[in-house]
Amino acid sequence: MKKLFFSAILGGLTLASCSSDDDNIPNNPQLEVPATYSFERDGSTTISYPGQTTRLEMTSEILANFNDFENGSEELLLNMFSNENSPFEKASLNESSKSVKSKVAASKLYFSSNTVESAEIKSDFDSYISEQFNTVAANKDELAEAGKAGQIAQGERVRYVNEKGLELNQAFAKGLIGGLLADQILNNYLSQEVLDEADNRANNDAEITEEEKVYTTMEHKWDEAYGYLYGNPSILTANPNSVLNESDDHLLFNYLGRVDADEDFAGIAEETFEAFKTGRAAIVAGDYNVRDEQVAIIRENISKTMAVRGVHYLQAGKSSLAENNYGAAFHALSEAYGFIYSLRFTNNPETGSPYISADNVNNYLDQLMQDNGFWDVTPETLDTISEEISNAFGFSVEQA
């Protein structure tokens, strides 16, 4: 271990109590919030989150192969999910000790003493893969119908659904937004249980860095949370919102951008980024009250992002069903299914628990899959679920 002196970031904005009447500005003259997510010590960046980028890249390869029935297989995707037997095209991913599966439902806050549910959730994602390459693949050239898997048209596109109309690739992808990304950000790396573990506060105050590293453990944990949102290689580390809605990301950053593009939620992306910057600066300054205030903002905004998109897709599916456009309807409802699954991993900063309980999430999913699933679901059911979700998060169905 070694102690290094922190050198202030040039161009940073020093927030002092006399600088503004805005009550939201921290009352700490030593808190320097840079214009971009840029933090250094002795001329070297202290930002590092390679493990998060690796898992995002692994997820991208999994999703790219999910509907490839010619080259993909159950064995290949299960190996990709757990990173076994060198399944990836990119050699560096095969050489990595990381895996996607190991971090699903693995947060310290929600699952450290809840290993049974964690295993069940991991099994859900395994089952999406297995069903895709068994049931759906066997009927990939046949038209889907109630009770029968197969293909269904959405304009010139072909969608592949199980016997209930669910696109398993959408359930997998949108479920991972909560089960991997949100859970790790909100309930693991930004939790006090991780940030303040053992001697983290004392070491951070003394600027004691990790062995052969230039960052303190607390700084690194915060950056790892940052990496799960902004770690796609196409996103600029220091200024991610410069590529908002323009990056190659298809997970949380992408949908944060889509929600931000809705005038009812405009500014949510910038507010989230500012909270990440301010919280990181607060760690450098040793201001843990300000740090925790930023955690609350991030938890609320990321949780709301998943809820807004869930309601949005429920309503889009309802509209397409009314037009008998089953391909578009089932695609939207499959996305809704995944986002609703993700609500289990939200974190209400006022309670420290999910906005919607696991039991209620499972109840919503059961309602969507009842009888013949999307083939039979009613507008009333879609509206009821939409209203209950939106009420829990403090927005209206119309806003979504």
Protein backbone atom coordinates (compact mmCIF):
# COMPACT_ATOMS: atom_id res chain seq x y z
CA MET A 1 0.00 0.00 0.00
CA LYS A 2 1.20 3.53 -0.63
CA LYS A 3 0.03 7.06 0.02
CA LEU A 4 -0.09 9.53 -2.84
CA PHE A 5 -0.99 13.20 -2.88
CA PHE A 6 -4.10 14.12 -4.89
CA SER A 7 -3.50 16.81 -7.49
CA ALA A 8 -6.54 18.92 -8.33
CA ILE A 9 -8.00 18.65 -11.79
CA LEU A 10 -7.38 21.76 -13.86
CA GLY A 11 -10.55 23.25 -15.24
CA GLY A 12 -12.62 21.85 -12.39
CA LEU A 13 -15.42 23.82 -10.85
CA THR A 14 -14.89 24.62 -7.15
CA LEU A 15 -18.22 24.62 -5.36
CA ALA A 16 -18.22 26.87 -2.31
CA SER A 17 -21.03 27.94 0.00
CA CYS A 18 -20.79 31.54 -1.22
CA SER A 19 -20.85 30.68 -4.93
CA SER A 20 -24.60 30.25 -5.29
CA ASP A 21 -27.93 30.45 -3.53
CA ASP A 22 -28.88 27.04 -4.90
CA ASP A 23 -29.49 24.79 -1.90
CA ASN A 24 -28.48 21.76 -3.98
CA ILE A 25 -24.87 22.93 -4.24
CA PRO A 26 -22.74 21.24 -1.58
CA ASN A 27 -21.49 23.51 1.20
CA ASN A 28 -17.87 22.40 0.91
CA PRO A 29 -15.23 24.82 -0.41
CA GLN A 30 -12.82 21.92 -1.04
CA LEU A 31 -15.20 20.01 -3.31
CA GLU A 32 -13.98 20.37 -6.89
CA VAL A 33 -16.32 18.99 -9.56
CA PRO A 34 -14.61 18.82 -12.96
CA ALA A 35 -16.42 19.63 -16.18
CA THR A 36 -15.94 16.04 -17.32
CA TYR A 37 -15.47 12.73 -15.51
CA SER A 38 -11.72 13.29 -15.14
CA PHE A 39 -9.82 12.58 -11.93
CA GLU A 40 -6.06 12.34 -11.50
CA ARG A 41 -3.41 11.77 -8.89
CA ASP A 42 0.16 12.86 -9.59
CA GLY A 43 -0.63 13.28 -13.28
CA SER A 44 -2.17 9.83 -13.76
CA THR A 45 -5.85 9.06 -14.15
CA THR A 46 -7.42 7.36 -11.17
CA ILE A 47 -10.39 6.07 -13.19
CA SER A 48 -10.42 2.34 -13.93
CA TYR A 49 -13.25 -0.09 -14.73
CA PRO A 50 -11.95 -2.71 -17.19
CA GLY A 51 -14.04 -5.49 -15.67
CA GLN A 52 -17.25 -3.61 -16.39
CA THR A 53 -16.27 -2.95 -20.00
CA THR A 54 -15.37 -6.63 -20.39
CA ARG A 55 -18.79 -7.78 -19.18
CA LEU A 56 -20.55 -5.29 -21.45
CA GLU A 57 -18.56 -6.64 -24.40
CA MET A 58 -19.42 -10.21 -23.41
CA THR A 59 -23.10 -9.29 -23.26
CA SER A 60 -22.90 -7.75 -26.73
CA GLU A 61 -21.55 -11.02 -28.17
CA ILE A 62 -24.24 -13.04 -26.41
CA LEU A 63 -27.02 -10.84 -27.80
CA ALA A 64 -25.50 -10.88 -31.30
CA ASN A 65 -25.74 -14.68 -31.31
CA PHE A 66 -29.10 -15.10 -29.61
CA ASN A 67 -31.14 -15.30 -32.84
CA ASP A 68 -28.39 -16.90 -34.93
CA PHE A 69 -29.77 -20.40 -35.25
CA GLU A 70 -27.21 -21.35 -37.90
CA ASN A 71 -24.05 -20.52 -35.97
CA GLY A 72 -25.28 -20.23 -32.41
CA SER A 73 -26.25 -23.02 -30.05
CA GLU A 74 -27.42 -23.59 -26.51
CA GLU A 75 -23.96 -24.78 -25.53
CA LEU A 76 -22.24 -21.76 -27.08
CA LEU A 77 -24.45 -19.17 -25.41
CA LEU A 78 -24.42 -20.89 -22.03
CA ASN A 79 -20.62 -20.93 -22.29
CA MET A 80 -20.63 -17.25 -23.20
CA PHE A 81 -22.88 -16.45 -20.24
CA SER A 82 -20.51 -18.18 -17.81
CA ASN A 83 -17.31 -17.61 -19.85
CA GLU A 84 -16.30 -21.25 -20.13
CA ASN A 85 -14.50 -23.15 -22.91
CA SER A 86 -13.32 -20.03 -24.81
CA PRO A 87 -16.65 -19.22 -26.50
CA PHE A 88 -16.00 -15.64 -27.64
CA GLU A 89 -14.71 -14.40 -30.97
CA LYS A 90 -12.62 -11.78 -29.20
CA ALA A 91 -9.58 -13.47 -27.65
CA SER A 92 -9.29 -11.03 -24.76
CA LEU A 93 -12.76 -12.02 -23.55
CA ASN A 94 -11.82 -15.69 -23.48
CA GLU A 95 -8.67 -14.85 -21.55
CA SER A 96 -10.59 -12.85 -18.97
CA SER A 97 -11.45 -14.25 -15.54
CA LYS A 98 -14.72 -12.27 -15.65
CA SER A 99 -18.15 -13.57 -16.59
CA VAL A 100 -21.61 -12.10 -16.97
CA LYS A 101 -23.37 -14.81 -14.99
CA SER A 102 -21.25 -14.41 -11.88
CA LYS A 103 -22.45 -10.82 -11.42
CA VAL A 104 -26.16 -11.40 -12.09
CA ALA A 105 -28.20 -10.93 -8.89
CA ALA A 106 -24.93 -10.68 -6.98
CA SER A 107 -25.14 -7.35 -5.16
CA LYS A 108 -24.02 -7.15 -1.56
CA LEU A 109 -27.13 -5.21 -0.52
CA TYR A 110 -29.79 -7.53 -1.97
CA PHE A 111 -28.23 -10.95 -2.44
CA SER A 112 -25.30 -11.51 -0.06
CA SER A 113 -27.65 -13.37 2.30
CA ASN A 114 -30.21 -14.28 -0.35
CA THR A 115 -28.36 -16.92 -2.31
CA VAL A 116 -31.45 -19.00 -3.07
CA GLU A 117 -33.14 -16.20 -5.02
CA SER A 118 -29.84 -15.27 -6.64
CA ALA A 119 -29.49 -18.82 -7.98
CA GLU A 120 -33.10 -18.79 -9.20
CA ILE A 121 -32.51 -15.55 -11.10
CA LYS A 122 -29.35 -16.87 -12.72
CA SER A 123 -31.33 -19.96 -13.70
CA ASP A 124 -33.95 -17.76 -15.37
CA PHE A 125 -31.31 -16.38 -17.73
CA ASP A 126 -29.99 -19.87 -18.43
CA SER A 127 -33.54 -20.95 -19.26
CA TYR A 128 -34.02 -18.14 -21.79
CA ILE A 129 -30.98 -19.47 -23.67
CA SER A 130 -32.01 -23.11 -23.42
CA GLU A 131 -35.57 -22.49 -24.56
CA GLN A 132 -34.39 -20.35 -27.46
CA PHE A 133 -32.14 -23.06 -28.88
CA ASN A 134 -34.51 -25.92 -28.21
CA THR A 135 -38.19 -25.00 -28.44
CA VAL A 136 -37.92 -21.84 -30.57
CA ALA A 137 -35.12 -23.09 -32.84
CA ALA A 138 -37.06 -26.28 -33.61
CA ASN A 139 -39.93 -24.17 -34.99
CA LYS A 140 -37.93 -21.30 -36.46
CA ASP A 141 -39.28 -21.91 -39.99
CA GLU A 142 -42.91 -22.27 -38.91
CA LEU A 143 -45.48 -19.57 -38.18
CA ALA A 144 -46.07 -19.00 -34.50
CA GLU A 145 -49.55 -19.32 -33.08
CA ALA A 146 -51.12 -19.49 -29.64
CA GLY A 147 -49.48 -22.39 -27.84
CA LYS A 148 -46.82 -22.88 -30.52
CA ALA A 149 -43.37 -21.30 -30.86
CA GLY A 150 -42.14 -20.03 -34.20
CA GLN A 151 -41.69 -16.91 -36.27
CA ILE A 152 -43.93 -13.90 -36.58
CA ALA A 153 -43.65 -10.96 -38.96
CA GLN A 154 -43.18 -7.33 -38.00
CA GLY A 155 -43.25 -5.59 -41.34
CA GLU A 156 -40.27 -6.97 -43.23
CA ARG A 157 -38.61 -8.21 -40.04
CA VAL A 158 -38.97 -11.68 -38.59
CA ARG A 159 -39.36 -12.10 -34.86
CA TYR A 160 -38.92 -15.44 -33.07
CA VAL A 161 -41.21 -16.14 -30.13
CA ASN A 162 -41.99 -18.99 -27.76
CA GLU A 163 -45.45 -20.50 -27.41
CA LYS A 164 -46.66 -17.52 -25.37
CA GLY A 165 -45.40 -14.91 -27.84
CA LEU A 166 -42.35 -13.96 -25.77
CA GLU A 167 -39.13 -13.05 -27.58
CA LEU A 168 -36.55 -14.67 -25.33
CA ASN A 169 -33.69 -12.48 -26.56
CA GLN A 170 -35.63 -9.41 -25.36
CA ALA A 171 -36.41 -10.99 -22.00
CA PHE A 172 -32.71 -11.81 -21.63
CA ALA A 173 -31.39 -8.38 -22.70
CA LYS A 174 -33.83 -6.18 -20.81
CA GLY A 175 -33.69 -8.47 -17.78
CA LEU A 176 -29.91 -8.04 -17.68
CA ILE A 177 -30.31 -4.26 -17.53
CA GLY A 178 -31.74 -4.80 -14.07
CA GLY A 179 -30.24 -8.13 -13.05
CA LEU A 180 -26.67 -7.20 -13.95
CA LEU A 181 -26.25 -3.46 -14.48
CA ALA A 182 -28.72 -1.83 -12.11
CA ASP A 183 -28.12 -4.39 -9.38
CA GLN A 184 -24.36 -3.87 -9.52
CA ILE A 185 -24.61 -0.08 -9.73
CA LEU A 186 -27.36 0.65 -7.23
CA ASN A 187 -27.16 -2.23 -4.80
CA ASN A 188 -23.51 -3.16 -4.87
CA TYR A 189 -20.88 -0.58 -5.76
CA LEU A 190 -22.85 2.47 -4.60
CA SER A 191 -24.00 0.84 -1.37
CA GLN A 192 -22.43 1.94 1.90
CA GLU A 193 -21.73 -1.73 2.55
CA VAL A 194 -19.24 -1.66 -0.34
CA LEU A 195 -18.06 1.97 -0.39
CA ASP A 196 -17.41 2.04 3.37
CA GLU A 197 -16.36 -1.58 3.81
CA ALA A 198 -13.60 -2.27 6.35
CA ASP A 199 -11.09 0.63 6.42
CA ASN A 200 -12.22 2.26 3.17
CA ARG A 201 -13.15 5.60 4.75
CA ALA A 202 -9.96 5.89 6.78
CA ASN A 203 -7.82 4.88 3.82
CA ASN A 204 -9.63 7.30 1.55
CA ASP A 205 -9.19 10.15 4.04
CA ALA A 206 -5.48 9.34 4.25
CA GLU A 207 -5.23 8.90 0.45
CA ILE A 208 -3.89 5.39 0.89
CA THR A 209 -4.15 3.76 -2.51
CA GLU A 210 -4.52 0.12 -3.46
CA GLU A 211 -1.31 -1.85 -3.96
CA GLU A 212 0.51 -0.64 -7.10
CA LYS A 213 -2.50 1.51 -8.07
CA VAL A 214 -3.10 5.26 -8.05
CA TYR A 215 -6.67 5.09 -6.73
CA THR A 216 -8.14 4.45 -3.31
CA THR A 217 -10.51 1.51 -2.90
CA MET A 218 -13.50 3.83 -2.47
CA GLU A 219 -12.63 5.74 -5.64
CA HIS A 220 -12.36 2.47 -7.52
CA LYS A 221 -15.68 1.11 -6.27
CA TRP A 222 -17.42 4.31 -7.41
CA ASP A 223 -15.76 4.06 -10.83
CA GLU A 224 -16.87 0.45 -11.19
CA ALA A 225 -20.46 1.60 -10.71
CA TYR A 226 -19.81 4.27 -13.35
CA GLY A 227 -18.43 1.62 -15.71
CA TYR A 228 -21.60 -0.46 -15.71
CA LEU A 229 -23.50 2.53 -17.12
CA TYR A 230 -20.86 4.19 -19.29
CA GLY A 231 -18.36 1.39 -19.97
CA ASN A 232 -19.31 0.40 -23.53
CA PRO A 233 -16.18 1.05 -25.66
CA SER A 234 -18.16 3.38 -27.95
CA ILE A 235 -18.92 5.72 -25.02
CA LEU A 236 -16.39 8.42 -24.15
CA THR A 237 -15.21 7.96 -20.57
CA ALA A 238 -14.90 11.64 -19.68
CA ASN A 239 -17.99 12.96 -21.49
CA PRO A 240 -20.43 10.10 -22.16
CA ASN A 241 -23.45 12.25 -22.88
CA SER A 242 -21.69 13.65 -25.94
CA VAL A 243 -22.75 10.38 -27.63
CA LEU A 244 -26.12 10.05 -25.93
CA ASN A 245 -28.46 8.20 -28.33
CA GLU A 246 -25.55 7.80 -30.76
CA SER A 247 -23.39 5.07 -29.17
CA ASP A 248 -23.27 1.34 -29.90
CA ASP A 249 -24.62 0.55 -26.45
CA HIS A 250 -27.89 -1.44 -26.39
CA LEU A 251 -28.34 -1.66 -22.64
CA LEU A 252 -28.79 0.84 -19.82
CA PHE A 253 -27.01 3.85 -21.37
CA ASN A 254 -29.09 3.45 -24.51
CA TYR A 255 -32.38 3.48 -22.61
CA LEU A 256 -31.32 6.33 -20.32
CA GLY A 257 -30.89 8.28 -23.56
CA ARG A 258 -34.31 7.25 -24.83
CA VAL A 259 -35.99 8.35 -21.62
CA ASP A 260 -34.04 11.61 -21.70
CA ALA A 261 -35.33 12.23 -25.24
CA ASP A 262 -38.89 12.25 -23.87
CA GLU A 263 -39.73 15.85 -22.97
CA ASP A 264 -41.41 14.65 -19.77
CA PHE A 265 -38.07 13.31 -18.54
CA ALA A 266 -35.64 15.63 -20.31
CA GLY A 267 -32.48 16.21 -18.28
CA ILE A 268 -32.43 12.85 -16.51
CA ALA A 269 -29.24 11.81 -18.33
CA GLU A 270 -27.40 15.01 -17.45
CA GLU A 271 -28.58 14.88 -13.85
CA THR A 272 -27.35 11.31 -13.55
CA PHE A 273 -23.95 12.17 -15.04
CA GLU A 274 -23.61 15.21 -12.76
CA ALA A 275 -24.40 13.02 -9.76
CA PHE A 276 -21.68 10.56 -10.76
CA LYS A 277 -19.16 13.41 -11.14
CA THR A 278 -20.16 15.16 -7.92
CA GLY A 279 -20.15 11.93 -5.94
CA ARG A 280 -16.68 11.06 -7.21
CA ALA A 281 -15.43 14.56 -6.36
CA ALA A 282 -16.99 14.22 -2.91
CA ILE A 283 -15.00 11.03 -2.35
CA VAL A 284 -11.80 12.89 -3.24
CA ALA A 285 -12.77 15.63 -0.77
CA GLY A 286 -13.83 13.16 1.90
CA ASP A 287 -17.37 14.56 1.97
CA TYR A 288 -19.44 11.42 2.46
CA ASN A 289 -22.72 13.23 3.06
CA VAL A 290 -22.54 14.76 -0.41
CA ARG A 291 -21.45 11.40 -1.82
CA ASP A 292 -24.52 9.71 -0.39
CA GLU A 293 -26.80 12.47 -1.69
CA GLN A 294 -25.53 11.69 -5.19
CA VAL A 295 -26.13 7.97 -4.65
CA ALA A 296 -29.78 8.77 -3.94
CA ILE A 297 -30.08 10.72 -7.21
CA ILE A 298 -28.49 7.92 -9.22
CA ARG A 299 -30.66 5.25 -7.60
CA GLU A 300 -33.85 7.19 -8.32
CA ASN A 301 -32.96 8.02 -11.93
CA ILE A 302 -31.74 4.58 -13.00
CA SER A 303 -34.69 2.90 -11.30
CA LYS A 304 -37.11 5.30 -12.99
CA THR A 305 -35.49 4.72 -16.39
CA MET A 306 -36.37 1.03 -16.27
CA ALA A 307 -39.89 1.71 -15.05
CA VAL A 308 -40.59 4.33 -17.73
CA ARG A 309 -39.47 2.00 -20.50
CA GLY A 310 -41.49 -0.87 -19.06
CA VAL A 311 -44.69 1.18 -19.08
CA HIS A 312 -43.83 2.63 -22.50
CA TYR A 313 -43.59 -0.84 -24.03
CA LEU A 314 -46.73 -2.09 -22.31
CA GLN A 315 -48.66 0.75 -23.89
CA ALA A 316 -46.96 0.31 -27.27
CA GLY A 317 -47.90 -3.35 -27.18
CA LYS A 318 -51.49 -2.51 -26.32
CA SER A 319 -51.72 -0.12 -29.29
CA SER A 320 -50.29 -2.70 -31.72
CA LEU A 321 -52.64 -5.41 -30.44
CA ALA A 322 -55.57 -3.09 -31.17
CA GLU A 323 -54.34 -2.93 -34.78
CA ASN A 324 -53.86 -6.74 -34.94
CA ASN A 325 -50.15 -6.12 -35.56
CA TYR A 326 -48.98 -9.10 -33.54
CA GLY A 327 -45.32 -8.90 -34.55
CA ALA A 328 -44.98 -5.32 -33.30
CA ALA A 329 -47.15 -6.04 -30.26
CA PHE A 330 -45.21 -9.10 -29.14
CA HIS A 331 -41.89 -7.34 -29.67
CA ALA A 332 -42.96 -4.41 -27.50
CA LEU A 333 -44.48 -6.66 -24.85
CA SER A 334 -41.31 -8.78 -24.76
CA GLU A 335 -39.29 -5.66 -24.05
CA ALA A 336 -41.82 -4.71 -21.38
CA TYR A 337 -41.48 -8.18 -19.86
CA GLY A 338 -37.71 -7.74 -19.53
CA PHE A 339 -37.97 -4.27 -18.04
CA ILE A 340 -40.62 -5.40 -15.56
CA TYR A 341 -38.32 -8.27 -14.57
CA SER A 342 -35.65 -5.62 -13.95
CA LEU A 343 -37.82 -3.72 -11.48
CA ARG A 344 -36.85 -6.33 -8.87
CA PHE A 345 -33.42 -4.67 -8.81
CA THR A 346 -34.50 -1.04 -8.43
CA ASN A 347 -33.62 0.87 -5.28
CA ASN A 348 -35.88 3.47 -3.71
CA PRO A 349 -33.48 5.80 -1.85
CA GLU A 350 -36.20 6.58 0.71
CA THR A 351 -36.58 2.94 1.74
CA GLY A 352 -33.39 1.21 0.57
CA SER A 353 -35.47 -1.49 -1.08
CA PRO A 354 -37.04 -2.04 -4.51
CA TYR A 355 -39.82 0.32 -5.58
CA ILE A 356 -41.84 -2.81 -6.39
CA SER A 357 -41.37 -6.01 -4.42
CA ALA A 358 -40.15 -9.24 -5.98
CA ASP A 359 -43.55 -10.80 -5.30
CA ASN A 360 -45.36 -8.03 -7.17
CA VAL A 361 -42.89 -8.20 -10.05
CA ASN A 362 -43.50 -11.94 -10.33
CA ASN A 363 -47.25 -11.32 -10.19
CA TYR A 364 -47.03 -8.91 -13.14
CA LEU A 365 -44.98 -11.39 -15.15
CA ASP A 366 -47.43 -14.17 -14.34
CA GLN A 367 -50.32 -12.00 -15.54
CA LEU A 368 -48.55 -11.37 -18.84
CA MET A 369 -47.85 -15.09 -19.32
CA GLN A 370 -51.23 -16.38 -18.12
CA ASP A 371 -52.95 -18.92 -20.41
CA ASN A 372 -51.51 -18.25 -23.91
CA GLY A 373 -49.51 -15.23 -22.81
CA PHE A 374 -49.39 -12.31 -25.23
CA TRP A 375 -51.91 -14.02 -27.50
CA ASP A 376 -54.54 -13.65 -24.77
CA VAL A 377 -53.44 -10.65 -22.72
CA THR A 378 -56.12 -7.96 -22.42
CA PRO A 379 -55.83 -4.17 -22.67
CA GLU A 380 -57.22 -3.98 -19.15
CA THR A 381 -54.37 -6.09 -17.79
CA LEU A 382 -51.78 -3.97 -19.61
CA ASP A 383 -53.36 -0.77 -18.29
CA THR A 384 -53.58 -2.04 -14.72
CA ILE A 385 -49.92 -3.09 -14.63
CA SER A 386 -48.90 0.19 -16.29
CA GLU A 387 -50.78 2.26 -13.73
CA GLU A 388 -49.42 0.35 -10.74
CA ILE A 389 -45.84 0.69 -11.97
CA SER A 390 -46.13 4.38 -12.83
CA ASN A 391 -47.78 5.15 -9.48
CA ALA A 392 -44.96 3.42 -7.61
CA PHE A 393 -42.37 5.59 -9.37
CA GLY A 394 -44.24 8.89 -9.38
CA PHE A 395 -44.99 9.44 -13.05
CA SER A 396 -48.10 8.97 -15.17
CA VAL A 397 -48.83 6.36 -17.82
CA GLU A 398 -49.30 9.20 -20.31
CA GLN A 399 -45.82 10.55 -19.57
CA ALA A 400 -44.22 7.20 -20.41
